[in-house]
Structure formats: C-alpha cells, structure tokens
Amino acid sequence: MLSLRLKAIADCVPAGVIVADIGTDHAFLPVELVSSGQIPRAYACDIGVGPLEHARATIEEAGLQAQIALILTPGLEKVPADAEVAVIAGMGWMTAKSILENDFDRLAHFQLILMQVNREVASLRRWIMEHGFEIVTEKLVHDRHYYQIAGFRKAEKPVSYTEVQLRYGPLLLENQEPVLHEYYRYRREKLQRIAEQIEDPAKRTEILCQMEEIDHIILNRKSSD
C-alpha cells in the first residue's frame, strides 16, 4: 500500500502511459501503477545499486519483471525514448535541479514531468517558468509532513507566474482545497513562534510580513468564500 505522498503522485499519472520513476528506491510507485492496471509498463531508475536491488525484490515479489525494467542511471540519461511520464520525487531541490539541467534536452519529449522536492518548491516553480514549461497539475498532501507536487510540460507559449503564484502555487491557489488552509495555518503558527523568540528587528519584520501575506492571500480568502 502506497504512502499518502506516493498515492498523491500516482493520482497525477495519466492512465495508459509508460512511466520512468527516477530515484525509485524500493519501486513502490511503479509496482502500484502497473499492478493496479493504471499503466502498462514502467522503468524503475536509480543512481545506486543498493536501491535497485531493493526495487528488484519489490518487483519480483509482485511478479512484474516483464513490465517493470530496472535502470541504473543518475537521471534521465538512460531512460528509453518510449517513456511518456517522468517522476522525480523525494529529493532535495538542488539534486532535482541537476537532473533537470543535465538532461534538459530530454524534458520536452515527456507528456508530463511530476516533481516533488522536499524544500524550495518556489524555486522549482520559478525554474519551470523560466525554462519554457507550464504547470498543469499541483497537489498538496499531508503525510506526517506536508508535501507539494508539481506536474509540468513544455509550454506552447511563454507562461508568467506572479511572485505570489510562485510562492504558493498557481493551481493550489486556484483550487483552494482544505489542505491548503490547513498547511498555512500550521505555517503561520510556526512563524508566530519564531517571531516571538527572535531578537533581530529586521528578521522579525520579515517574518511578520510573511504572516501578513498568509493572512491576506490564504486564510482571509477562506473566510470570504
């Protein structure tokens, strides 16, 4: 059974596509996608031999050796050309960014690239915008921690997101799901505690400004709906 984080990623995968899971670790995602019949085939990719051995065990236990191929690769470099969706999840932004930039020429060939970075999601969104892509799906999920998922593809024409959209997510803001308000109440409470303890006036002012923005952009919007 998938974690809530991986389930949210799986829900973003279109039916019937071939998926390349980059940094697959135990291959839980491709095994679930294939065994459920959501997709016909997948590539379980990882930079490490150890994680691929864990993936092999998961795949063999599920009896899916014919439908899920193991690939030792640091990114998209060795992914076959028939892969239609790439998943890059569960890593830091700088690691994910290096994968995107090292294999940049491959990106436009994917119908969809699903990414979940552990921090600096605004930096991911800015990279997407500045490199000629567009965000087509976003999810926010609570699975012990809060995780944001962004799905993007090559844009037909340039897209431009505001600073607010880059910080909070254009589609998350548009959809206004309850978990968005839950997350930013949590974030505001955390900022409040920091503001009460910090002594540097400039840093305290910066934190208070973040709290005011959350009040204005997220929490007050809920009360006016």
Protein backbone atom coordinates (compact mmCIF):
# COMPACT_ATOMS: atom_id res chain seq x y z
CA MET A 1 0.00 0.00 0.00
CA LEU A 2 1.37 3.39 -1.01
CA SER A 3 2.07 6.20 1.42
CA LEU A 4 -0.21 9.22 1.08
CA ARG A 5 2.63 11.09 -0.62
CA LEU A 6 3.16 8.41 -3.26
CA LYS A 7 -0.60 7.94 -3.65
CA ALA A 8 -0.93 11.65 -4.45
CA ILE A 9 1.79 11.31 -7.09
CA ALA A 10 0.14 8.20 -8.52
CA ASP A 11 -3.16 10.07 -8.81
CA CYS A 12 -1.45 12.59 -11.11
CA VAL A 13 -0.24 9.92 -13.56
CA PRO A 14 -2.47 9.66 -16.67
CA ALA A 15 -3.85 6.21 -17.44
CA GLY A 16 -2.15 4.12 -20.09
CA VAL A 17 1.24 5.87 -20.20
CA ILE A 18 4.76 4.48 -19.73
CA VAL A 19 6.39 5.91 -16.61
CA ALA A 20 10.04 6.44 -15.68
CA ASP A 21 10.41 6.69 -11.90
CA ILE A 22 13.69 8.49 -11.18
CA GLY A 23 15.12 7.74 -7.74
CA THR A 24 12.74 4.80 -7.44
CA ASP A 25 14.28 3.34 -4.24
CA HIS A 26 12.00 0.36 -3.46
CA ALA A 27 9.94 0.79 -6.67
CA PHE A 28 6.71 1.07 -4.70
CA LEU A 29 5.26 3.64 -7.13
CA PRO A 30 5.82 1.78 -10.43
CA VAL A 31 4.69 -1.50 -8.87
CA GLU A 32 1.42 0.06 -7.71
CA LEU A 33 0.82 1.81 -11.03
CA VAL A 34 1.37 -1.37 -13.04
CA SER A 35 -0.29 -3.86 -10.69
CA SER A 36 -3.43 -1.72 -10.50
CA GLY A 37 -3.67 -1.61 -14.29
CA GLN A 38 -3.28 2.18 -14.37
CA ILE A 39 -0.26 1.92 -16.67
CA PRO A 40 1.08 -0.94 -18.84
CA ARG A 41 4.83 -0.62 -18.21
CA ALA A 42 7.40 1.33 -16.22
CA TYR A 43 11.09 1.95 -15.73
CA ALA A 44 12.42 1.90 -12.16
CA CYS A 45 15.54 4.08 -12.20
CA ASP A 46 18.09 4.86 -9.52
CA ILE A 47 21.67 6.06 -9.22
CA GLY A 48 22.54 3.41 -6.62
CA VAL A 49 22.97 -0.35 -6.96
CA GLY A 50 21.58 -0.88 -3.44
CA PRO A 51 18.25 0.86 -4.08
CA LEU A 52 17.87 -1.02 -7.36
CA GLU A 53 18.30 -4.31 -5.51
CA HIS A 54 15.51 -3.24 -3.14
CA ALA A 55 13.45 -2.35 -6.23
CA ARG A 56 14.21 -5.72 -7.79
CA ALA A 57 12.91 -7.52 -4.70
CA THR A 58 9.66 -5.50 -4.74
CA ILE A 59 9.14 -6.09 -8.45
CA GLU A 60 9.83 -9.83 -8.19
CA GLU A 61 7.51 -10.20 -5.22
CA ALA A 62 4.75 -8.62 -7.31
CA GLY A 63 5.63 -10.80 -10.31
CA LEU A 64 6.07 -7.77 -12.58
CA GLN A 65 9.55 -8.43 -14.01
CA ALA A 66 8.15 -8.41 -17.57
CA GLN A 67 6.53 -5.00 -17.14
CA ILE A 68 8.97 -3.04 -14.97
CA ALA A 69 12.59 -2.70 -16.11
CA LEU A 70 15.41 -1.69 -13.77
CA ILE A 71 17.80 1.02 -14.98
CA LEU A 72 20.98 2.20 -13.24
CA THR A 73 21.17 5.89 -14.10
CA PRO A 74 21.76 9.21 -12.29
CA GLY A 75 18.79 10.83 -14.00
CA LEU A 76 17.00 10.62 -17.34
CA GLU A 77 20.12 9.83 -19.36
CA LYS A 78 19.46 6.10 -19.91
CA VAL A 79 15.67 6.21 -19.89
CA PRO A 80 14.29 4.71 -23.14
CA ALA A 81 12.59 7.05 -25.58
CA ASP A 82 9.16 5.44 -25.17
CA ALA A 83 8.77 6.77 -21.60
CA GLU A 84 5.96 9.33 -21.61
CA VAL A 85 5.86 10.48 -17.99
CA ALA A 86 8.82 11.11 -15.68
CA VAL A 87 8.51 11.13 -11.89
CA ILE A 88 11.27 12.84 -9.91
CA ALA A 89 10.29 12.74 -6.25
CA GLY A 90 11.57 12.52 -2.70
CA MET A 91 14.78 14.51 -3.09
CA GLY A 92 16.11 17.99 -2.43
CA TRP A 93 15.69 20.80 -4.92
CA MET A 94 19.38 21.03 -5.87
CA THR A 95 19.54 17.32 -6.67
CA ALA A 96 16.32 17.52 -8.68
CA LYS A 97 17.56 20.65 -10.46
CA SER A 98 20.77 18.90 -11.51
CA ILE A 99 18.70 16.09 -13.05
CA LEU A 100 16.56 18.59 -14.97
CA GLU A 101 19.56 20.54 -16.25
CA ASN A 102 21.81 17.59 -17.03
CA ASP A 103 19.06 16.01 -19.14
CA PHE A 104 17.38 19.20 -20.31
CA ASP A 105 17.12 18.13 -23.96
CA ARG A 106 15.02 15.13 -22.92
CA LEU A 107 12.39 17.07 -20.99
CA ALA A 108 10.29 18.36 -23.89
CA HIS A 109 9.67 14.77 -25.06
CA PHE A 110 7.67 13.88 -21.95
CA GLN A 111 3.92 14.41 -21.83
CA LEU A 112 4.27 15.20 -18.15
CA ILE A 113 7.03 15.57 -15.56
CA LEU A 114 5.89 15.09 -11.97
CA MET A 115 8.14 16.52 -9.29
CA GLN A 116 8.06 16.52 -5.51
CA VAL A 117 11.00 18.24 -3.86
CA ASN A 118 11.36 18.35 -0.11
CA ARG A 119 12.09 22.08 0.07
CA GLU A 120 12.32 25.18 -2.12
CA VAL A 121 9.16 24.46 -4.09
CA ALA A 122 9.03 28.13 -5.14
CA SER A 123 12.47 27.68 -6.75
CA LEU A 124 11.10 24.70 -8.69
CA ARG A 125 8.14 26.73 -9.94
CA ARG A 126 10.44 29.58 -10.98
CA TRP A 127 12.67 27.13 -12.86
CA ILE A 128 9.63 25.71 -14.67
CA MET A 129 8.51 29.18 -15.75
CA GLU A 130 11.97 30.40 -16.79
CA HIS A 131 12.74 27.33 -18.90
CA GLY A 132 9.66 27.37 -21.12
CA PHE A 133 7.40 24.93 -19.26
CA GLU A 134 3.96 25.28 -17.69
CA ILE A 135 2.45 23.82 -14.52
CA VAL A 136 -0.56 21.68 -15.37
CA THR A 137 -1.25 19.98 -12.04
CA GLU A 138 -0.44 20.64 -8.38
CA LYS A 139 -1.19 18.76 -5.18
CA LEU A 140 -0.54 19.38 -1.51
CA VAL A 141 -0.70 16.36 0.78
CA HIS A 142 -0.12 15.77 4.49
CA ASP A 143 1.77 12.54 5.17
CA ARG A 144 3.41 13.23 8.55
CA HIS A 145 4.94 16.21 6.74
CA TYR A 146 3.39 18.45 4.09
CA TYR A 147 4.47 17.70 0.53
CA GLN A 148 3.82 19.72 -2.62
CA ILE A 149 3.70 18.03 -6.02
CA ALA A 150 4.01 19.93 -9.30
CA GLY A 151 3.36 18.45 -12.72
CA PHE A 152 4.58 20.35 -15.77
CA ARG A 153 5.13 20.05 -19.51
CA LYS A 154 6.60 22.08 -22.36
CA ALA A 155 4.51 25.22 -22.88
CA GLU A 156 3.13 26.13 -26.30
CA LYS A 157 3.70 29.79 -25.46
CA PRO A 158 5.59 31.54 -22.64
CA VAL A 159 3.92 31.50 -19.24
CA SER A 160 4.36 34.05 -16.49
CA TYR A 161 3.56 33.46 -12.83
CA THR A 162 3.36 36.20 -10.23
CA GLU A 163 5.59 36.13 -7.15
CA VAL A 164 2.56 35.08 -5.12
CA GLN A 165 1.84 32.20 -7.51
CA LEU A 166 5.46 31.10 -7.36
CA ARG A 167 5.39 31.04 -3.57
CA TYR A 168 2.02 29.37 -3.08
CA GLY A 169 1.36 27.52 -6.35
CA PRO A 170 -0.89 28.84 -9.14
CA LEU A 171 -3.19 25.81 -9.19
CA LEU A 172 -3.17 25.35 -5.41
CA LEU A 173 -4.36 28.94 -5.10
CA GLU A 174 -6.97 28.41 -7.80
CA ASN A 175 -8.36 25.21 -6.33
CA GLN A 176 -8.30 26.32 -2.66
CA GLU A 177 -8.55 22.81 -1.24
CA PRO A 178 -8.94 22.50 2.56
CA VAL A 179 -5.42 21.10 2.98
CA LEU A 180 -4.02 24.39 1.64
CA HIS A 181 -5.60 26.31 4.53
CA GLU A 182 -4.58 23.60 6.98
CA TYR A 183 -0.96 23.84 5.84
CA TYR A 184 -0.77 27.62 6.02
CA ARG A 185 -2.40 27.74 9.45
CA TYR A 186 0.38 25.38 10.52
CA ARG A 187 2.98 27.57 8.77
CA ARG A 188 1.61 30.75 10.36
CA GLU A 189 1.67 29.25 13.85
CA LYS A 190 5.28 28.18 13.30
CA LEU A 191 6.22 31.68 12.10
CA GLN A 192 4.42 33.19 15.11
CA ARG A 193 6.57 31.14 17.50
CA ILE A 194 9.73 32.18 15.68
CA ALA A 195 8.71 35.85 15.72
CA GLU A 196 8.17 35.73 19.48
CA GLN A 197 11.67 34.40 20.06
CA ILE A 198 13.76 36.29 17.52
CA GLU A 199 15.67 39.41 18.58
CA ASP A 200 16.89 40.78 15.26
CA PRO A 201 14.37 43.54 14.30
CA ALA A 202 14.95 43.12 10.56
CA LYS A 203 14.42 39.35 10.64
CA ARG A 204 11.39 39.75 12.88
CA THR A 205 9.87 42.26 10.43
CA GLU A 206 10.49 39.83 7.56
CA ILE A 207 8.69 37.04 9.43
CA LEU A 208 5.77 39.32 10.31
CA CYS A 209 5.46 40.25 6.63
CA GLN A 210 5.26 36.54 5.73
CA MET A 211 2.50 36.10 8.29
CA GLU A 212 0.57 39.06 6.90
CA GLU A 213 0.86 37.67 3.38
CA ILE A 214 -0.50 34.30 4.52
CA ASP A 215 -3.39 36.09 6.24
CA HIS A 216 -4.16 38.09 3.11
CA ILE A 217 -3.56 35.51 0.37
CA ILE A 218 -4.68 32.28 2.02
CA LEU A 219 -6.54 32.47 5.31
CA ASN A 220 -8.67 35.56 4.73
CA ARG A 221 -9.73 34.22 1.34
CA LYS A 222 -11.26 31.21 3.06
CA SER A 223 -13.38 33.38 5.34
CA SER A 224 -14.67 35.40 2.37
CA ASP A 225 -15.67 32.34 0.29
